[in-house]
Amino acid sequence: QVQLVESGGGLVQAGDSLRLSCTTSGLAFANYAMGWFRQAPGKEREFVAAISWNGGITNYADSVKGRFTISRDASKSTVWLQMHSLAPEDTAVYYCAADFSSRTTAQATHYSSYFYWGQGTRVTVSS
């Protein structure tokens, strides 16, 4: 059984940093691109970042480029999202996801491309 479990969310102030973690089990981790998405109330789930199977390629939404960093460790079957300079518009539930087809390119940016999902972790940024 494949499981993706996110953690690290919370309530922070604008300008603060947070690091989200996504630990996987039952997944051939090295065979998948990993992505982070977020969904704010009343909005569609949107792409945040993705990383290729070996970490060699990363891809970011324009809204987070330069502020967020995605990374992964195969030995821990874990992917992280380091977030700096958080702003109220970053408030959302953050989800990690796994995609086989884009494992070498990390170019899948639509949620429909990802097959496995975690349950999400909430990030709230106050102004």
Foldseek 3Di string as FASTA:
>chain_A
DKAWAKDWADEEAAQAKTKMKIFIPPDQQLQWKKFKWWDDPPGDIWGAKIAASVRPDIDGDPVQPPFWDWGDDNVRNMIMIIGGRDDQVVWTWMKMFIARVCRPPRPDTDPVRTDDIHPTDTHGYHD
